[in-house]
mmCIF file of all heavy atoms, coordinates in Angstrom:
data_MODEL
# 
_entry.id   MODEL 
# 
loop_
_atom_site.group_PDB 
_atom_site.id 
_atom_site.type_symbol 
_atom_site.label_atom_id 
_atom_site.label_alt_id 
_atom_site.label_comp_id 
_atom_site.label_asym_id 
_atom_site.label_entity_id 
_atom_site.label_seq_id 
_atom_site.pdbx_PDB_ins_code 
_atom_site.Cartn_x 
_atom_site.Cartn_y 
_atom_site.Cartn_z 
_atom_site.occupancy 
_atom_site.B_iso_or_equiv 
_atom_site.pdbx_formal_charge 
_atom_site.auth_seq_id 
_atom_site.auth_comp_id 
_atom_site.auth_asym_id 
_atom_site.auth_atom_id 
_atom_site.pdbx_PDB_model_num 
ATOM 1   N N   . LYS A 1 1  ? -2.445 1.280   -11.500 1.00 0.00 ? 1  LYS A N   1 
ATOM 2   C CA  . LYS A 1 1  ? -1.632 0.694   -12.573 1.00 0.00 ? 1  LYS A CA  1 
ATOM 3   C C   . LYS A 1 1  ? -0.523 1.647   -13.016 1.00 0.00 ? 1  LYS A C   1 
ATOM 4   O O   . LYS A 1 1  ? -0.770 2.804   -13.329 1.00 0.00 ? 1  LYS A O   1 
ATOM 5   C CB  . LYS A 1 1  ? -2.509 0.349   -13.780 1.00 0.00 ? 1  LYS A CB  1 
ATOM 6   C CG  . LYS A 1 1  ? -1.806 -0.483  -14.857 1.00 0.00 ? 1  LYS A CG  1 
ATOM 7   C CD  . LYS A 1 1  ? -2.774 -0.889  -15.947 1.00 0.00 ? 1  LYS A CD  1 
ATOM 8   C CE  . LYS A 1 1  ? -2.090 -1.747  -17.021 1.00 0.00 ? 1  LYS A CE  1 
ATOM 9   N NZ  . LYS A 1 1  ? -1.609 -3.026  -16.468 1.00 0.00 ? 1  LYS A NZ  1 
ATOM 10  N N   . GLY A 1 2  ? 0.694  1.145   -12.994 1.00 0.00 ? 2  GLY A N   1 
ATOM 11  C CA  . GLY A 1 2  ? 1.836  1.926   -13.451 1.00 0.00 ? 2  GLY A CA  1 
ATOM 12  C C   . GLY A 1 2  ? 2.403  2.894   -12.422 1.00 0.00 ? 2  GLY A C   1 
ATOM 13  O O   . GLY A 1 2  ? 3.333  3.648   -12.738 1.00 0.00 ? 2  GLY A O   1 
ATOM 14  N N   . ALA A 1 3  ? 1.875  2.881   -11.204 1.00 0.00 ? 3  ALA A N   1 
ATOM 15  C CA  . ALA A 1 3  ? 2.384  3.782   -10.170 1.00 0.00 ? 3  ALA A CA  1 
ATOM 16  C C   . ALA A 1 3  ? 3.848  3.475   -9.870  1.00 0.00 ? 3  ALA A C   1 
ATOM 17  O O   . ALA A 1 3  ? 4.245  2.322   -9.776  1.00 0.00 ? 3  ALA A O   1 
ATOM 18  C CB  . ALA A 1 3  ? 1.555  3.657   -8.896  1.00 0.00 ? 3  ALA A CB  1 
ATOM 19  N N   . ARG A 1 4  ? 4.646  4.535   -9.696  1.00 0.00 ? 4  ARG A N   1 
ATOM 20  C CA  . ARG A 1 4  ? 6.075  4.358   -9.423  1.00 0.00 ? 4  ARG A CA  1 
ATOM 21  C C   . ARG A 1 4  ? 6.506  5.054   -8.147  1.00 0.00 ? 4  ARG A C   1 
ATOM 22  O O   . ARG A 1 4  ? 7.699  5.136   -7.847  1.00 0.00 ? 4  ARG A O   1 
ATOM 23  C CB  . ARG A 1 4  ? 6.896  4.843   -10.615 1.00 0.00 ? 4  ARG A CB  1 
ATOM 24  C CG  . ARG A 1 4  ? 6.631  4.032   -11.883 1.00 0.00 ? 4  ARG A CG  1 
ATOM 25  C CD  . ARG A 1 4  ? 7.530  4.414   -13.035 1.00 0.00 ? 4  ARG A CD  1 
ATOM 26  N NE  . ARG A 1 4  ? 7.202  3.656   -14.236 1.00 0.00 ? 4  ARG A NE  1 
ATOM 27  C CZ  . ARG A 1 4  ? 7.853  3.742   -15.374 1.00 0.00 ? 4  ARG A CZ  1 
ATOM 28  N NH1 . ARG A 1 4  ? 8.893  4.577   -15.477 1.00 0.00 ? 4  ARG A NH1 1 
ATOM 29  N NH2 . ARG A 1 4  ? 7.481  3.007   -16.420 1.00 0.00 ? 4  ARG A NH2 1 
ATOM 30  N N   . SER A 1 5  ? 5.531  5.565   -7.384  1.00 0.00 ? 5  SER A N   1 
ATOM 31  C CA  . SER A 1 5  ? 5.827  6.135   -6.066  1.00 0.00 ? 5  SER A CA  1 
ATOM 32  C C   . SER A 1 5  ? 4.592  6.003   -5.194  1.00 0.00 ? 5  SER A C   1 
ATOM 33  O O   . SER A 1 5  ? 3.465  5.852   -5.710  1.00 0.00 ? 5  SER A O   1 
ATOM 34  C CB  . SER A 1 5  ? 6.243  7.604   -6.178  1.00 0.00 ? 5  SER A CB  1 
ATOM 35  O OG  . SER A 1 5  ? 5.115  8.438   -6.412  1.00 0.00 ? 5  SER A OG  1 
ATOM 36  N N   . TRP A 1 6  ? 4.772  6.087   -3.892  1.00 0.00 ? 6  TRP A N   1 
ATOM 37  C CA  . TRP A 1 6  ? 3.650  5.988   -2.972  1.00 0.00 ? 6  TRP A CA  1 
ATOM 38  C C   . TRP A 1 6  ? 2.645  7.111   -3.227  1.00 0.00 ? 6  TRP A C   1 
ATOM 39  O O   . TRP A 1 6  ? 1.437  6.926   -3.039  1.00 0.00 ? 6  TRP A O   1 
ATOM 40  C CB  . TRP A 1 6  ? 4.150  6.047   -1.524  1.00 0.00 ? 6  TRP A CB  1 
ATOM 41  C CG  . TRP A 1 6  ? 4.886  4.823   -1.094  1.00 0.00 ? 6  TRP A CG  1 
ATOM 42  C CD1 . TRP A 1 6  ? 6.237  4.702   -0.935  1.00 0.00 ? 6  TRP A CD1 1 
ATOM 43  C CD2 . TRP A 1 6  ? 4.334  3.536   -0.786  1.00 0.00 ? 6  TRP A CD2 1 
ATOM 44  N NE1 . TRP A 1 6  ? 6.551  3.418   -0.558  1.00 0.00 ? 6  TRP A NE1 1 
ATOM 45  C CE2 . TRP A 1 6  ? 5.408  2.690   -0.444  1.00 0.00 ? 6  TRP A CE2 1 
ATOM 46  C CE3 . TRP A 1 6  ? 3.033  3.027   -0.765  1.00 0.00 ? 6  TRP A CE3 1 
ATOM 47  C CZ2 . TRP A 1 6  ? 5.222  1.358   -0.088  1.00 0.00 ? 6  TRP A CZ2 1 
ATOM 48  C CZ3 . TRP A 1 6  ? 2.845  1.697   -0.410  1.00 0.00 ? 6  TRP A CZ3 1 
ATOM 49  C CH2 . TRP A 1 6  ? 3.928  0.878   -0.074  1.00 0.00 ? 6  TRP A CH2 1 
ATOM 50  N N   . ASN A 1 7  ? 3.136  8.266   -3.643  1.00 0.00 ? 7  ASN A N   1 
ATOM 51  C CA  . ASN A 1 7  ? 2.259  9.414   -3.883  1.00 0.00 ? 7  ASN A CA  1 
ATOM 52  C C   . ASN A 1 7  ? 1.294  9.179   -5.043  1.00 0.00 ? 7  ASN A C   1 
ATOM 53  O O   . ASN A 1 7  ? 0.284  9.863   -5.169  1.00 0.00 ? 7  ASN A O   1 
ATOM 54  C CB  . ASN A 1 7  ? 3.084  10.675  -4.149  1.00 0.00 ? 7  ASN A CB  1 
ATOM 55  C CG  . ASN A 1 7  ? 3.851  11.126  -2.913  1.00 0.00 ? 7  ASN A CG  1 
ATOM 56  O OD1 . ASN A 1 7  ? 3.432  10.863  -1.780  1.00 0.00 ? 7  ASN A OD1 1 
ATOM 57  N ND2 . ASN A 1 7  ? 4.992  11.798  -3.115  1.00 0.00 ? 7  ASN A ND2 1 
ATOM 58  N N   . ASP A 1 8  ? 1.633  8.210   -5.910  1.00 0.00 ? 8  ASP A N   1 
ATOM 59  C CA  . ASP A 1 8  ? 0.768  7.902   -7.045  1.00 0.00 ? 8  ASP A CA  1 
ATOM 60  C C   . ASP A 1 8  ? -0.389 6.983   -6.669  1.00 0.00 ? 8  ASP A C   1 
ATOM 61  O O   . ASP A 1 8  ? -1.256 6.714   -7.496  1.00 0.00 ? 8  ASP A O   1 
ATOM 62  C CB  . ASP A 1 8  ? 1.579  7.236   -8.172  1.00 0.00 ? 8  ASP A CB  1 
ATOM 63  C CG  . ASP A 1 8  ? 2.651  8.134   -8.752  1.00 0.00 ? 8  ASP A CG  1 
ATOM 64  O OD1 . ASP A 1 8  ? 2.490  9.358   -8.656  1.00 0.00 ? 8  ASP A OD1 1 
ATOM 65  O OD2 . ASP A 1 8  ? 3.657  7.614   -9.283  1.00 0.00 ? 8  ASP A OD2 1 
ATOM 66  N N   . LEU A 1 9  ? -0.381 6.473   -5.442  1.00 0.00 ? 9  LEU A N   1 
ATOM 67  C CA  . LEU A 1 9  ? -1.374 5.488   -5.033  1.00 0.00 ? 9  LEU A CA  1 
ATOM 68  C C   . LEU A 1 9  ? -2.538 6.143   -4.296  1.00 0.00 ? 9  LEU A C   1 
ATOM 69  O O   . LEU A 1 9  ? -2.336 7.060   -3.501  1.00 0.00 ? 9  LEU A O   1 
ATOM 70  C CB  . LEU A 1 9  ? -0.735 4.443   -4.104  1.00 0.00 ? 9  LEU A CB  1 
ATOM 71  C CG  . LEU A 1 9  ? 0.393  3.577   -4.694  1.00 0.00 ? 9  LEU A CG  1 
ATOM 72  C CD1 . LEU A 1 9  ? 0.990  2.700   -3.597  1.00 0.00 ? 9  LEU A CD1 1 
ATOM 73  C CD2 . LEU A 1 9  ? -0.130 2.708   -5.830  1.00 0.00 ? 9  LEU A CD2 1 
ATOM 74  N N   . PRO A 1 10 ? -3.762 5.653   -4.502  1.00 0.00 ? 10 PRO A N   1 
ATOM 75  C CA  . PRO A 1 10 ? -4.888 6.116   -3.696  1.00 0.00 ? 10 PRO A CA  1 
ATOM 76  C C   . PRO A 1 10 ? -4.659 5.805   -2.221  1.00 0.00 ? 10 PRO A C   1 
ATOM 77  O O   . PRO A 1 10 ? -3.997 4.813   -1.876  1.00 0.00 ? 10 PRO A O   1 
ATOM 78  C CB  . PRO A 1 10 ? -6.077 5.310   -4.240  1.00 0.00 ? 10 PRO A CB  1 
ATOM 79  C CG  . PRO A 1 10 ? -5.635 4.796   -5.575  1.00 0.00 ? 10 PRO A CG  1 
ATOM 80  C CD  . PRO A 1 10 ? -4.152 4.640   -5.503  1.00 0.00 ? 10 PRO A CD  1 
ATOM 81  N N   . ALA A 1 11 ? -5.218 6.618   -1.347  1.00 0.00 ? 11 ALA A N   1 
ATOM 82  C CA  . ALA A 1 11 ? -5.007 6.463   0.096   1.00 0.00 ? 11 ALA A CA  1 
ATOM 83  C C   . ALA A 1 11 ? -5.436 5.084   0.585   1.00 0.00 ? 11 ALA A C   1 
ATOM 84  O O   . ALA A 1 11 ? -4.765 4.457   1.417   1.00 0.00 ? 11 ALA A O   1 
ATOM 85  C CB  . ALA A 1 11 ? -5.752 7.554   0.852   1.00 0.00 ? 11 ALA A CB  1 
ATOM 86  N N   . GLN A 1 12 ? -6.564 4.566   0.068   1.00 0.00 ? 12 GLN A N   1 
ATOM 87  C CA  . GLN A 1 12 ? -7.057 3.269   0.511   1.00 0.00 ? 12 GLN A CA  1 
ATOM 88  C C   . GLN A 1 12 ? -6.148 2.127   0.060   1.00 0.00 ? 12 GLN A C   1 
ATOM 89  O O   . GLN A 1 12 ? -6.037 1.099   0.733   1.00 0.00 ? 12 GLN A O   1 
ATOM 90  C CB  . GLN A 1 12 ? -8.488 3.046   0.020   1.00 0.00 ? 12 GLN A CB  1 
ATOM 91  C CG  . GLN A 1 12 ? -9.516 3.973   0.666   1.00 0.00 ? 12 GLN A CG  1 
ATOM 92  C CD  . GLN A 1 12 ? -9.512 3.883   2.192   1.00 0.00 ? 12 GLN A CD  1 
ATOM 93  O OE1 . GLN A 1 12 ? -9.334 2.823   2.776   1.00 0.00 ? 12 GLN A OE1 1 
ATOM 94  N NE2 . GLN A 1 12 ? -9.693 5.027   2.839   1.00 0.00 ? 12 GLN A NE2 1 
ATOM 95  N N   . ALA A 1 13 ? -5.482 2.321   -1.087  1.00 0.00 ? 13 ALA A N   1 
ATOM 96  C CA  . ALA A 1 13 ? -4.536 1.312   -1.556  1.00 0.00 ? 13 ALA A CA  1 
ATOM 97  C C   . ALA A 1 13 ? -3.321 1.253   -0.634  1.00 0.00 ? 13 ALA A C   1 
ATOM 98  O O   . ALA A 1 13 ? -2.826 0.169   -0.296  1.00 0.00 ? 13 ALA A O   1 
ATOM 99  C CB  . ALA A 1 13 ? -4.114 1.603   -2.995  1.00 0.00 ? 13 ALA A CB  1 
ATOM 100 N N   . VAL A 1 14 ? -2.836 2.415   -0.223  1.00 0.00 ? 14 VAL A N   1 
ATOM 101 C CA  . VAL A 1 14 ? -1.714 2.471   0.724   1.00 0.00 ? 14 VAL A CA  1 
ATOM 102 C C   . VAL A 1 14 ? -2.118 1.816   2.042   1.00 0.00 ? 14 VAL A C   1 
ATOM 103 O O   . VAL A 1 14 ? -1.357 1.047   2.644   1.00 0.00 ? 14 VAL A O   1 
ATOM 104 C CB  . VAL A 1 14 ? -1.261 3.928   0.953   1.00 0.00 ? 14 VAL A CB  1 
ATOM 105 C CG1 . VAL A 1 14 ? -0.189 3.987   2.045   1.00 0.00 ? 14 VAL A CG1 1 
ATOM 106 C CG2 . VAL A 1 14 ? -0.750 4.546   -0.338  1.00 0.00 ? 14 VAL A CG2 1 
ATOM 107 N N   . LYS A 1 15 ? -3.335 2.105   2.490   1.00 0.00 ? 15 LYS A N   1 
ATOM 108 C CA  . LYS A 1 15 ? -3.850 1.515   3.728   1.00 0.00 ? 15 LYS A CA  1 
ATOM 109 C C   . LYS A 1 15 ? -3.904 -0.008  3.626   1.00 0.00 ? 15 LYS A C   1 
ATOM 110 O O   . LYS A 1 15 ? -3.561 -0.722  4.572   1.00 0.00 ? 15 LYS A O   1 
ATOM 111 C CB  . LYS A 1 15 ? -5.237 2.078   4.035   1.00 0.00 ? 15 LYS A CB  1 
ATOM 112 C CG  . LYS A 1 15 ? -5.808 1.663   5.379   1.00 0.00 ? 15 LYS A CG  1 
ATOM 113 C CD  . LYS A 1 15 ? -7.155 2.325   5.635   1.00 0.00 ? 15 LYS A CD  1 
ATOM 114 C CE  . LYS A 1 15 ? -7.733 1.876   6.980   1.00 0.00 ? 15 LYS A CE  1 
ATOM 115 N NZ  . LYS A 1 15 ? -9.058 2.512   7.226   1.00 0.00 ? 15 LYS A NZ  1 
ATOM 116 N N   . TYR A 1 16 ? -4.313 -0.511  2.469   1.00 0.00 ? 16 TYR A N   1 
ATOM 117 C CA  . TYR A 1 16 ? -4.383 -1.956  2.238   1.00 0.00 ? 16 TYR A CA  1 
ATOM 118 C C   . TYR A 1 16 ? -2.989 -2.577  2.353   1.00 0.00 ? 16 TYR A C   1 
ATOM 119 O O   . TYR A 1 16 ? -2.804 -3.599  3.033   1.00 0.00 ? 16 TYR A O   1 
ATOM 120 C CB  . TYR A 1 16 ? -4.977 -2.228  0.860   1.00 0.00 ? 16 TYR A CB  1 
ATOM 121 C CG  . TYR A 1 16 ? -5.085 -3.702  0.504   1.00 0.00 ? 16 TYR A CG  1 
ATOM 122 C CD1 . TYR A 1 16 ? -6.119 -4.484  1.002   1.00 0.00 ? 16 TYR A CD1 1 
ATOM 123 C CD2 . TYR A 1 16 ? -4.163 -4.304  -0.342  1.00 0.00 ? 16 TYR A CD2 1 
ATOM 124 C CE1 . TYR A 1 16 ? -6.235 -5.823  0.658   1.00 0.00 ? 16 TYR A CE1 1 
ATOM 125 C CE2 . TYR A 1 16 ? -4.263 -5.635  -0.690  1.00 0.00 ? 16 TYR A CE2 1 
ATOM 126 C CZ  . TYR A 1 16 ? -5.305 -6.390  -0.184  1.00 0.00 ? 16 TYR A CZ  1 
ATOM 127 O OH  . TYR A 1 16 ? -5.400 -7.736  -0.524  1.00 0.00 ? 16 TYR A OH  1 
ATOM 128 N N   . VAL A 1 17 ? -2.018 -1.966  1.700   1.00 0.00 ? 17 VAL A N   1 
ATOM 129 C CA  . VAL A 1 17 ? -0.651 -2.486  1.727   1.00 0.00 ? 17 VAL A CA  1 
ATOM 130 C C   . VAL A 1 17 ? -0.111 -2.506  3.153   1.00 0.00 ? 17 VAL A C   1 
ATOM 131 O O   . VAL A 1 17 ? 0.491  -3.494  3.596   1.00 0.00 ? 17 VAL A O   1 
ATOM 132 C CB  . VAL A 1 17 ? 0.266  -1.650  0.805   1.00 0.00 ? 17 VAL A CB  1 
ATOM 133 C CG1 . VAL A 1 17 ? 1.723  -2.080  0.967   1.00 0.00 ? 17 VAL A CG1 1 
ATOM 134 C CG2 . VAL A 1 17 ? -0.170 -1.782  -0.657  1.00 0.00 ? 17 VAL A CG2 1 
ATOM 135 N N   . ARG A 1 18 ? -0.320 -1.421  3.898   1.00 0.00 ? 18 ARG A N   1 
ATOM 136 C CA  . ARG A 1 18 ? 0.185  -1.346  5.268   1.00 0.00 ? 18 ARG A CA  1 
ATOM 137 C C   . ARG A 1 18 ? -0.481 -2.397  6.158   1.00 0.00 ? 18 ARG A C   1 
ATOM 138 O O   . ARG A 1 18 ? 0.157  -2.968  7.055   1.00 0.00 ? 18 ARG A O   1 
ATOM 139 C CB  . ARG A 1 18 ? -0.055 0.051   5.851   1.00 0.00 ? 18 ARG A CB  1 
ATOM 140 C CG  . ARG A 1 18 ? 0.725  1.167   5.146   1.00 0.00 ? 18 ARG A CG  1 
ATOM 141 C CD  . ARG A 1 18 ? 2.204  0.884   5.093   1.00 0.00 ? 18 ARG A CD  1 
ATOM 142 N NE  . ARG A 1 18 ? 2.994  1.956   4.544   1.00 0.00 ? 18 ARG A NE  1 
ATOM 143 C CZ  . ARG A 1 18 ? 4.205  1.818   4.017   1.00 0.00 ? 18 ARG A CZ  1 
ATOM 144 N NH1 . ARG A 1 18 ? 4.776  0.623   3.988   1.00 0.00 ? 18 ARG A NH1 1 
ATOM 145 N NH2 . ARG A 1 18 ? 4.859  2.845   3.541   1.00 0.00 ? 18 ARG A NH2 1 
ATOM 146 N N   . HIS A 1 19 ? -1.758 -2.633  5.910   1.00 0.00 ? 19 HIS A N   1 
ATOM 147 C CA  . HIS A 1 19 ? -2.460 -3.637  6.707   1.00 0.00 ? 19 HIS A CA  1 
ATOM 148 C C   . HIS A 1 19 ? -1.950 -5.044  6.404   1.00 0.00 ? 19 HIS A C   1 
ATOM 149 O O   . HIS A 1 19 ? -1.824 -5.870  7.313   1.00 0.00 ? 19 HIS A O   1 
ATOM 150 C CB  . HIS A 1 19 ? -3.963 -3.540  6.450   1.00 0.00 ? 19 HIS A CB  1 
ATOM 151 C CG  . HIS A 1 19 ? -4.786 -4.277  7.470   1.00 0.00 ? 19 HIS A CG  1 
ATOM 152 N ND1 . HIS A 1 19 ? -4.640 -4.075  8.829   1.00 0.00 ? 19 HIS A ND1 1 
ATOM 153 C CD2 . HIS A 1 19 ? -5.754 -5.221  7.343   1.00 0.00 ? 19 HIS A CD2 1 
ATOM 154 C CE1 . HIS A 1 19 ? -5.478 -4.864  9.498   1.00 0.00 ? 19 HIS A CE1 1 
ATOM 155 N NE2 . HIS A 1 19 ? -6.157 -5.573  8.606   1.00 0.00 ? 19 HIS A NE2 1 
ATOM 156 N N   . VAL A 1 20 ? -1.668 -5.317  5.151   1.00 0.00 ? 20 VAL A N   1 
ATOM 157 C CA  . VAL A 1 20 ? -1.074 -6.599  4.774   1.00 0.00 ? 20 VAL A CA  1 
ATOM 158 C C   . VAL A 1 20 ? 0.243  -6.810  5.522   1.00 0.00 ? 20 VAL A C   1 
ATOM 159 O O   . VAL A 1 20 ? 0.510  -7.896  6.042   1.00 0.00 ? 20 VAL A O   1 
ATOM 160 C CB  . VAL A 1 20 ? -0.873 -6.678  3.241   1.00 0.00 ? 20 VAL A CB  1 
ATOM 161 C CG1 . VAL A 1 20 ? 0.090  -7.813  2.867   1.00 0.00 ? 20 VAL A CG1 1 
ATOM 162 C CG2 . VAL A 1 20 ? -2.200 -6.865  2.530   1.00 0.00 ? 20 VAL A CG2 1 
ATOM 163 N N   . GLU A 1 21 ? 1.085  -5.781  5.572   1.00 0.00 ? 21 GLU A N   1 
ATOM 164 C CA  . GLU A 1 21 ? 2.348  -5.869  6.301   1.00 0.00 ? 21 GLU A CA  1 
ATOM 165 C C   . GLU A 1 21 ? 2.125  -6.289  7.749   1.00 0.00 ? 21 GLU A C   1 
ATOM 166 O O   . GLU A 1 21 ? 2.824  -7.144  8.288   1.00 0.00 ? 21 GLU A O   1 
ATOM 167 C CB  . GLU A 1 21 ? 3.086  -4.527  6.267   1.00 0.00 ? 21 GLU A CB  1 
ATOM 168 C CG  . GLU A 1 21 ? 3.637  -4.135  4.905   1.00 0.00 ? 21 GLU A CG  1 
ATOM 169 C CD  . GLU A 1 21 ? 4.344  -2.792  4.950   1.00 0.00 ? 21 GLU A CD  1 
ATOM 170 O OE1 . GLU A 1 21 ? 3.793  -1.843  5.563   1.00 0.00 ? 21 GLU A OE1 1 
ATOM 171 O OE2 . GLU A 1 21 ? 5.437  -2.662  4.363   1.00 0.00 ? 21 GLU A OE2 1 
ATOM 172 N N   . GLU A 1 22 ? 1.155  -5.661  8.397   1.00 0.00 ? 22 GLU A N   1 
ATOM 173 C CA  . GLU A 1 22 ? 0.855  -5.971  9.791   1.00 0.00 ? 22 GLU A CA  1 
ATOM 174 C C   . GLU A 1 22 ? 0.397  -7.416  9.966   1.00 0.00 ? 22 GLU A C   1 
ATOM 175 O O   . GLU A 1 22 ? 0.822  -8.115  10.886  1.00 0.00 ? 22 GLU A O   1 
ATOM 176 C CB  . GLU A 1 22 ? -0.239 -5.033  10.325  1.00 0.00 ? 22 GLU A CB  1 
ATOM 177 C CG  . GLU A 1 22 ? 0.177  -3.569  10.452  1.00 0.00 ? 22 GLU A CG  1 
ATOM 178 C CD  . GLU A 1 22 ? -1.004 -2.684  10.783  1.00 0.00 ? 22 GLU A CD  1 
ATOM 179 O OE1 . GLU A 1 22 ? -2.097 -3.219  11.064  1.00 0.00 ? 22 GLU A OE1 1 
ATOM 180 O OE2 . GLU A 1 22 ? -0.843 -1.434  10.746  1.00 0.00 ? 22 GLU A OE2 1 
ATOM 181 N N   . LEU A 1 23 ? -0.454 -7.878  9.056   1.00 0.00 ? 23 LEU A N   1 
ATOM 182 C CA  . LEU A 1 23 ? -1.036 -9.209  9.183   1.00 0.00 ? 23 LEU A CA  1 
ATOM 183 C C   . LEU A 1 23 ? -0.022 -10.322 8.969   1.00 0.00 ? 23 LEU A C   1 
ATOM 184 O O   . LEU A 1 23 ? -0.098 -11.371 9.606   1.00 0.00 ? 23 LEU A O   1 
ATOM 185 C CB  . LEU A 1 23 ? -2.193 -9.371  8.192   1.00 0.00 ? 23 LEU A CB  1 
ATOM 186 C CG  . LEU A 1 23 ? -3.461 -8.561  8.482   1.00 0.00 ? 23 LEU A CG  1 
ATOM 187 C CD1 . LEU A 1 23 ? -4.428 -8.671  7.312   1.00 0.00 ? 23 LEU A CD1 1 
ATOM 188 C CD2 . LEU A 1 23 ? -4.133 -9.031  9.774   1.00 0.00 ? 23 LEU A CD2 1 
ATOM 189 N N   . ILE A 1 24 ? 0.943  -10.111 8.063   1.00 0.00 ? 24 ILE A N   1 
ATOM 190 C CA  . ILE A 1 24 ? 1.880  -11.189 7.729   1.00 0.00 ? 24 ILE A CA  1 
ATOM 191 C C   . ILE A 1 24 ? 3.185  -11.100 8.505   1.00 0.00 ? 24 ILE A C   1 
ATOM 192 O O   . ILE A 1 24 ? 3.993  -12.037 8.496   1.00 0.00 ? 24 ILE A O   1 
ATOM 193 C CB  . ILE A 1 24 ? 2.184  -11.228 6.219   1.00 0.00 ? 24 ILE A CB  1 
ATOM 194 C CG1 . ILE A 1 24 ? 2.951  -9.977  5.766   1.00 0.00 ? 24 ILE A CG1 1 
ATOM 195 C CG2 . ILE A 1 24 ? 0.901  -11.421 5.419   1.00 0.00 ? 24 ILE A CG2 1 
ATOM 196 C CD1 . ILE A 1 24 ? 3.426  -10.033 4.323   1.00 0.00 ? 24 ILE A CD1 1 
ATOM 197 N N   . GLY A 1 25 ? 3.435  -9.978  9.165   1.00 0.00 ? 25 GLY A N   1 
ATOM 198 C CA  . GLY A 1 25 ? 4.648  -9.846  9.956   1.00 0.00 ? 25 GLY A CA  1 
ATOM 199 C C   . GLY A 1 25 ? 5.913  -9.644  9.141   1.00 0.00 ? 25 GLY A C   1 
ATOM 200 O O   . GLY A 1 25 ? 7.001  -10.051 9.557   1.00 0.00 ? 25 GLY A O   1 
ATOM 201 N N   . ALA A 1 26 ? 5.781  -9.010  7.980   1.00 0.00 ? 26 ALA A N   1 
ATOM 202 C CA  . ALA A 1 26 ? 6.947  -8.724  7.135   1.00 0.00 ? 26 ALA A CA  1 
ATOM 203 C C   . ALA A 1 26 ? 6.678  -7.442  6.355   1.00 0.00 ? 26 ALA A C   1 
ATOM 204 O O   . ALA A 1 26 ? 5.544  -7.183  5.952   1.00 0.00 ? 26 ALA A O   1 
ATOM 205 C CB  . ALA A 1 26 ? 7.236  -9.873  6.163   1.00 0.00 ? 26 ALA A CB  1 
# 
């Protein structure tokens, strides 16, 4: 909550976002 950079995010949250990108093709 309130993160304003990738560095503020937990590693698993970043992994989730990247996986979503792969799955939806955007």
